[in-house]
PDB file of N, CA and C in Angstrom:
ATOM      1  N   MET A   1       0.822  -1.187   0.000  1.00  0.00           N
ATOM      2  CA  MET A   1       0.000   0.000   0.000  1.00  0.00           C
ATOM      3  C   MET A   1       0.872   1.260   0.000  1.00  0.00           C
ATOM      4  N   ASP A   2       1.970   1.221   0.748  1.00  0.00           N
ATOM      5  CA  ASP A   2       2.882   2.366   0.784  1.00  0.00           C
ATOM      6  C   ASP A   2       3.468   2.650  -0.592  1.00  0.00           C
ATOM      7  N   THR A   3       3.744   1.589  -1.344  1.00  0.00           N
ATOM      8  CA  THR A   3       4.318   1.753  -2.674  1.00  0.00           C
ATOM      9  C   THR A   3       3.365   2.509  -3.588  1.00  0.00           C
ATOM     10  N   ILE A   4       2.094   2.182  -3.524  1.00  0.00           N
ATOM     11  CA  ILE A   4       1.085   2.864  -4.345  1.00  0.00           C
ATOM     12  C   ILE A   4       0.980   4.322  -3.930  1.00  0.00           C
ATOM     13  N   ASN A   5       0.973   4.590  -2.637  1.00  0.00           N
ATOM     14  CA  ASN A   5       0.893   5.958  -2.126  1.00  0.00           C
ATOM     15  C   ASN A   5       2.123   6.759  -2.550  1.00  0.00           C
ATOM     16  N   ASN A   6       3.310   6.163  -2.425  1.00  0.00           N
ATOM     17  CA  ASN A   6       4.540   6.849  -2.818  1.00  0.00           C
ATOM     18  C   ASN A   6       4.553   7.153  -4.307  1.00  0.00           C
ATOM     19  N   LYS A   7       4.043   6.229  -5.117  1.00  0.00           N
ATOM     20  CA  LYS A   7       3.987   6.456  -6.557  1.00  0.00           C
ATOM     21  C   LYS A   7       3.075   7.638  -6.863  1.00  0.00           C
ATOM     22  N   SER A   8       1.960   7.741  -6.191  1.00  0.00           N
ATOM     23  CA  SER A   8       1.044   8.861  -6.402  1.00  0.00           C
ATOM     24  C   SER A   8       1.700  10.184  -6.035  1.00  0.00           C
ATOM     25  N   ILE A   9       2.407  10.187  -4.934  1.00  0.00           N
ATOM     26  CA  ILE A   9       3.107  11.401  -4.500  1.00  0.00           C
ATOM     27  C   ILE A   9       4.193  11.768  -5.513  1.00  0.00           C
ATOM     28  N   ASN A  10       4.947  10.775  -5.961  1.00  0.00           N
ATOM     29  CA  ASN A  10       6.000  11.031  -6.945  1.00  0.00           C
ATOM     30  C   ASN A  10       5.432  11.507  -8.276  1.00  0.00           C
ATOM     31  N   ASP A  11       4.323  10.923  -8.700  1.00  0.00           N
ATOM     32  CA  ASP A  11       3.685  11.346  -9.950  1.00  0.00           C
ATOM     33  C   ASP A  11       3.218  12.800  -9.857  1.00  0.00           C
ATOM     34  N   ALA A  12       2.654  13.177  -8.733  1.00  0.00           N
ATOM     35  CA  ALA A  12       2.200  14.556  -8.537  1.00  0.00           C
ATOM     36  C   ALA A  12       3.385  15.525  -8.538  1.00  0.00           C
ATOM     37  N   ALA A  13       4.463  15.144  -7.887  1.00  0.00           N
ATOM     38  CA  ALA A  13       5.664  15.984  -7.861  1.00  0.00           C
ATOM     39  C   ALA A  13       6.249  16.127  -9.269  1.00  0.00           C
ATOM     40  N   LEU A  14       6.209  15.063 -10.049  1.00  0.00           N
ATOM     41  CA  LEU A  14       6.706  15.100 -11.421  1.00  0.00           C
ATOM     42  C   LEU A  14       5.899  16.078 -12.272  1.00  0.00           C
ATOM     43  N   VAL A  15       4.600  16.076 -12.120  1.00  0.00           N
ATOM     44  CA  VAL A  15       3.747  17.011 -12.874  1.00  0.00           C
ATOM     45  C   VAL A  15       4.080  18.456 -12.506  1.00  0.00           C
ATOM     46  N   VAL A  16       4.286  18.714 -11.232  1.00  0.00           N
ATOM     47  CA  VAL A  16       4.635  20.060 -10.778  1.00  0.00           C
ATOM     48  C   VAL A  16       5.961  20.497 -11.396  1.00  0.00           C
ATOM     49  N   LEU A  17       6.938  19.623 -11.377  1.00  0.00           N
ATOM     50  CA  LEU A  17       8.252  19.949 -11.930  1.00  0.00           C
ATOM     51  C   LEU A  17       8.213  20.118 -13.449  1.00  0.00           C
ATOM     52  N   GLN A  18       7.427  19.306 -14.136  1.00  0.00           N
ATOM     53  CA  GLN A  18       7.292  19.459 -15.584  1.00  0.00           C
ATOM     54  C   GLN A  18       6.644  20.788 -15.936  1.00  0.00           C
ATOM     55  N   THR A  19       5.685  21.214 -15.159  1.00  0.00           N
ATOM     56  CA  THR A  19       5.036  22.511 -15.367  1.00  0.00           C
ATOM     57  C   THR A  19       6.040  23.637 -15.154  1.00  0.00           C
ATOM     58  N   LYS A  20       6.836  23.525 -14.111  1.00  0.00           N
ATOM     59  CA  LYS A  20       7.869  24.530 -13.817  1.00  0.00           C
ATOM     60  C   LYS A  20       8.884  24.619 -14.958  1.00  0.00           C
ATOM     61  N   ILE A  21       9.287  23.477 -15.493  1.00  0.00           N
ATOM     62  CA  ILE A  21      10.233  23.459 -16.611  1.00  0.00           C
ATOM     63  C   ILE A  21       9.640  24.163 -17.822  1.00  0.00           C
ATOM     64  N   LYS A  22       8.386  23.908 -18.117  1.00  0.00           N
ATOM     65  CA  LYS A  22       7.723  24.564 -19.251  1.00  0.00           C
ATOM     66  C   LYS A  22       7.689  26.075 -19.046  1.00  0.00           C
ATOM     67  N   GLN A  23       7.409  26.520 -17.822  1.00  0.00           N
ATOM     68  CA  GLN A  23       7.384  27.953 -17.527  1.00  0.00           C
ATOM     69  C   GLN A  23       8.763  28.572 -17.726  1.00  0.00           C
ATOM     70  N   ILE A  24       9.789  27.889 -17.275  1.00  0.00           N
ATOM     71  CA  ILE A  24      11.162  28.395 -17.426  1.00  0.00           C
ATOM     72  C   ILE A  24      11.550  28.446 -18.898  1.00  0.00           C
ATOM     73  N   GLU A  25      11.227  27.398 -19.637  1.00  0.00           N
ATOM     74  CA  GLU A  25      11.540  27.386 -21.073  1.00  0.00           C
ATOM     75  C   GLU A  25      10.835  28.526 -21.795  1.00  0.00           C
ATOM     76  N   GLU A  26       9.583  28.768 -21.448  1.00  0.00           N
ATOM     77  CA  GLU A  26       8.829  29.867 -22.068  1.00  0.00           C
ATOM     78  C   GLU A  26       9.441  31.215 -21.695  1.00  0.00           C
ATOM     79  N   ALA A  27       9.828  31.379 -20.456  1.00  0.00           N
ATOM     80  CA  ALA A  27      10.457  32.628 -20.018  1.00  0.00           C
ATOM     81  C   ALA A  27      11.773  32.850 -20.753  1.00  0.00           C
ATOM     82  N   LEU A  28      12.541  31.790 -20.964  1.00  0.00           N
ATOM     83  CA  LEU A  28      13.815  31.915 -21.667  1.00  0.00           C
ATOM     84  C   LEU A  28      13.631  32.378 -23.112  1.00  0.00           C
ATOM     85  N   LYS A  29      12.513  32.027 -23.721  1.00  0.00           N
ATOM     86  CA  LYS A  29      12.220  32.480 -25.080  1.00  0.00           C
ATOM     87  C   LYS A  29      12.027  33.992 -25.138  1.00  0.00           C
ATOM     88  N   HIS A  30      11.575  34.573 -24.027  1.00  0.00           N
ATOM     89  CA  HIS A  30      11.206  35.989 -24.006  1.00  0.00           C
ATOM     90  C   HIS A  30      12.167  36.876 -23.231  1.00  0.00           C
ATOM     91  N   VAL A  31      13.188  36.300 -22.619  1.00  0.00           N
ATOM     92  CA  VAL A  31      14.052  37.047 -21.711  1.00  0.00           C
ATOM     93  C   VAL A  31      14.785  38.198 -22.413  1.00  0.00           C
ATOM     94  N   ASP A  32      15.092  38.068 -23.673  1.00  0.00           N
ATOM     95  CA  ASP A  32      15.807  39.116 -24.389  1.00  0.00           C
ATOM     96  C   ASP A  32      14.887  40.130 -25.067  1.00  0.00           C
ATOM     97  N   LYS A  33      13.609  39.937 -24.963  1.00  0.00           N
ATOM     98  CA  LYS A  33      12.660  40.861 -25.585  1.00  0.00           C
ATOM     99  C   LYS A  33      12.433  42.057 -24.668  1.00  0.00           C
ATOM    100  N   PRO A  34      12.153  43.221 -25.247  1.00  0.00           N
ATOM    101  CA  PRO A  34      12.013  44.446 -24.443  1.00  0.00           C
ATOM    102  C   PRO A  34      10.930  44.388 -23.356  1.00  0.00           C
ATOM    103  N   GLY A  35       9.856  43.656 -23.577  1.00  0.00           N
ATOM    104  CA  GLY A  35       8.762  43.633 -22.616  1.00  0.00           C
ATOM    105  C   GLY A  35       8.926  42.647 -21.479  1.00  0.00           C
ATOM    106  N   PHE A  36      10.002  41.862 -21.520  1.00  0.00           N
ATOM    107  CA  PHE A  36      10.188  40.869 -20.465  1.00  0.00           C
ATOM    108  C   PHE A  36      10.414  41.562 -19.122  1.00  0.00           C
ATOM    109  N   GLY A  37       9.716  41.098 -18.110  1.00  0.00           N
ATOM    110  CA  GLY A  37       9.857  41.685 -16.778  1.00  0.00           C
ATOM    111  C   GLY A  37       8.945  42.874 -16.548  1.00  0.00           C
ATOM    112  N   LYS A  38       8.106  43.180 -17.523  1.00  0.00           N
ATOM    113  CA  LYS A  38       7.132  44.267 -17.386  1.00  0.00           C
ATOM    114  C   LYS A  38       5.744  43.656 -17.286  1.00  0.00           C
ATOM    115  N   CYS A  39       4.948  44.208 -16.406  1.00  0.00           N
ATOM    116  CA  CYS A  39       3.569  43.754 -16.234  1.00  0.00           C
ATOM    117  C   CYS A  39       2.788  44.058 -17.511  1.00  0.00           C
ATOM    118  N   ARG A  40       2.076  43.075 -18.038  1.00  0.00           N
ATOM    119  CA  ARG A  40       1.336  43.299 -19.281  1.00  0.00           C
ATOM    120  C   ARG A  40       0.079  44.127 -19.060  1.00  0.00           C
ATOM    121  N   LYS A  41      -0.304  44.339 -17.809  1.00  0.00           N
ATOM    122  CA  LYS A  41      -1.501  45.121 -17.510  1.00  0.00           C
ATOM    123  C   LYS A  41      -1.166  46.579 -17.196  1.00  0.00           C
ATOM    124  N   CYS A  42      -0.188  46.817 -16.322  1.00  0.00           N
ATOM    125  CA  CYS A  42       0.111  48.188 -15.894  1.00  0.00           C
ATOM    126  C   CYS A  42       1.464  48.699 -16.395  1.00  0.00           C
ATOM    127  N   SER A  43       2.249  47.837 -17.026  1.00  0.00           N
ATOM    128  CA  SER A  43       3.570  48.164 -17.590  1.00  0.00           C
ATOM    129  C   SER A  43       4.647  48.477 -16.551  1.00  0.00           C
ATOM    130  N   GLN A  44       4.369  48.255 -15.283  1.00  0.00           N
ATOM    131  CA  GLN A  44       5.390  48.431 -14.253  1.00  0.00           C
ATOM    132  C   GLN A  44       6.319  47.218 -14.253  1.00  0.00           C
ATOM    133  N   SER A  45       7.511  47.400 -13.735  1.00  0.00           N
ATOM    134  CA  SER A  45       8.455  46.294 -13.659  1.00  0.00           C
ATOM    135  C   SER A  45       7.966  45.242 -12.666  1.00  0.00           C
ATOM    136  N   ILE A  46       8.123  43.995 -13.059  1.00  0.00           N
ATOM    137  CA  ILE A  46       7.821  42.889 -12.156  1.00  0.00           C
ATOM    138  C   ILE A  46       9.074  42.678 -11.308  1.00  0.00           C
ATOM    139  N   PRO A  47       8.949  42.649  -9.985  1.00  0.00           N
ATOM    140  CA  PRO A  47      10.129  42.492  -9.131  1.00  0.00           C
ATOM    141  C   PRO A  47      10.920  41.227  -9.479  1.00  0.00           C
ATOM    142  N   GLU A  48      12.235  41.338  -9.385  1.00  0.00           N
ATOM    143  CA  GLU A  48      13.132  40.232  -9.725  1.00  0.00           C
ATOM    144  C   GLU A  48      12.807  38.979  -8.914  1.00  0.00           C
ATOM    145  N   GLY A  49      12.484  39.165  -7.647  1.00  0.00           N
ATOM    146  CA  GLY A  49      12.151  38.021  -6.794  1.00  0.00           C
ATOM    147  C   GLY A  49      10.949  37.255  -7.302  1.00  0.00           C
ATOM    148  N   ARG A  50       9.957  37.976  -7.802  1.00  0.00           N
ATOM    149  CA  ARG A  50       8.762  37.325  -8.353  1.00  0.00           C
ATOM    150  C   ARG A  50       9.139  36.524  -9.599  1.00  0.00           C
ATOM    151  N   LEU A  51       9.995  37.117 -10.440  1.00  0.00           N
ATOM    152  CA  LEU A  51      10.404  36.413 -11.654  1.00  0.00           C
ATOM    153  C   LEU A  51      11.257  35.179 -11.335  1.00  0.00           C
ATOM    154  N   LEU A  52      12.015  35.249 -10.253  1.00  0.00           N
ATOM    155  CA  LEU A  52      12.800  34.078  -9.857  1.00  0.00           C
ATOM    156  C   LEU A  52      11.896  32.946  -9.383  1.00  0.00           C
ATOM    157  N   LEU A  53      10.842  33.297  -8.657  1.00  0.00           N
ATOM    158  CA  LEU A  53       9.908  32.280  -8.160  1.00  0.00           C
ATOM    159  C   LEU A  53       8.942  31.812  -9.234  1.00  0.00           C
ATOM    160  N   LEU A  54       8.517  32.757 -10.086  1.00  0.00           N
ATOM    161  CA  LEU A  54       7.550  32.467 -11.141  1.00  0.00           C
ATOM    162  C   LEU A  54       8.084  33.003 -12.464  1.00  0.00           C
ATOM    163  N   PRO A  55       8.986  32.262 -13.098  1.00  0.00           N
ATOM    164  CA  PRO A  55       9.632  32.782 -14.302  1.00  0.00           C
ATOM    165  C   PRO A  55       8.660  33.164 -15.418  1.00  0.00           C
ATOM    166  N   GLY A  56       7.516  32.560 -15.432  1.00  0.00           N
ATOM    167  CA  GLY A  56       6.534  32.854 -16.475  1.00  0.00           C
ATOM    168  C   GLY A  56       5.581  33.970 -16.122  1.00  0.00           C
ATOM    169  N   ALA A  57       5.830  34.662 -15.011  1.00  0.00           N
ATOM    170  CA  ALA A  57       4.920  35.715 -14.559  1.00  0.00           C
ATOM    171  C   ALA A  57       4.857  36.844 -15.592  1.00  0.00           C
ATOM    172  N   THR A  58       3.653  37.230 -15.942  1.00  0.00           N
ATOM    173  CA  THR A  58       3.454  38.344 -16.866  1.00  0.00           C
ATOM    174  C   THR A  58       2.726  39.497 -16.198  1.00  0.00           C
ATOM    175  N   LEU A  59       2.367  39.303 -14.929  1.00  0.00           N
ATOM    176  CA  LEU A  59       1.678  40.330 -14.165  1.00  0.00           C
ATOM    177  C   LEU A  59       2.448  40.620 -12.867  1.00  0.00           C
ATOM    178  N   CYS A  60       2.449  41.870 -12.445  1.00  0.00           N
ATOM    179  CA  CYS A  60       3.027  42.214 -11.154  1.00  0.00           C
ATOM    180  C   CYS A  60       2.084  41.719 -10.052  1.00  0.00           C
ATOM    181  N   VAL A  61       2.530  41.799  -8.830  1.00  0.00           N
ATOM    182  CA  VAL A  61       1.719  41.312  -7.694  1.00  0.00           C
ATOM    183  C   VAL A  61       0.400  42.081  -7.621  1.00  0.00           C
ATOM    184  N   ARG A  62       0.459  43.390  -7.792  1.00  0.00           N
ATOM    185  CA  ARG A  62      -0.740  44.222  -7.690  1.00  0.00           C
ATOM    186  C   ARG A  62      -1.786  43.808  -8.738  1.00  0.00           C
ATOM    187  N   CYS A  63      -1.360  43.585  -9.963  1.00  0.00           N
ATOM    188  CA  CYS A  63      -2.302  43.250 -11.033  1.00  0.00           C
ATOM    189  C   CYS A  63      -2.735  41.787 -11.010  1.00  0.00           C
ATOM    190  N   ALA A  64      -1.905  40.940 -10.412  1.00  0.00           N
ATOM    191  CA  ALA A  64      -2.249  39.517 -10.345  1.00  0.00           C
ATOM    192  C   ALA A  64      -3.364  39.334  -9.342  1.00  0.00           C
TER     193      ALA A  64
END
């Protein structure tokens, strides 16, 4: 029973990590573009810390 439970936990963790990788890959496509790091709603800079935690962030904290 523990093996089945551990597999479920590992599968869920894998999905989370795959999503994170996709976000990072998408961010890398846009990192050199002028609008990267700017909120698409208010045009203010997205804080570096937010981009480190959420590389695919397109909104600042206020607009999110």
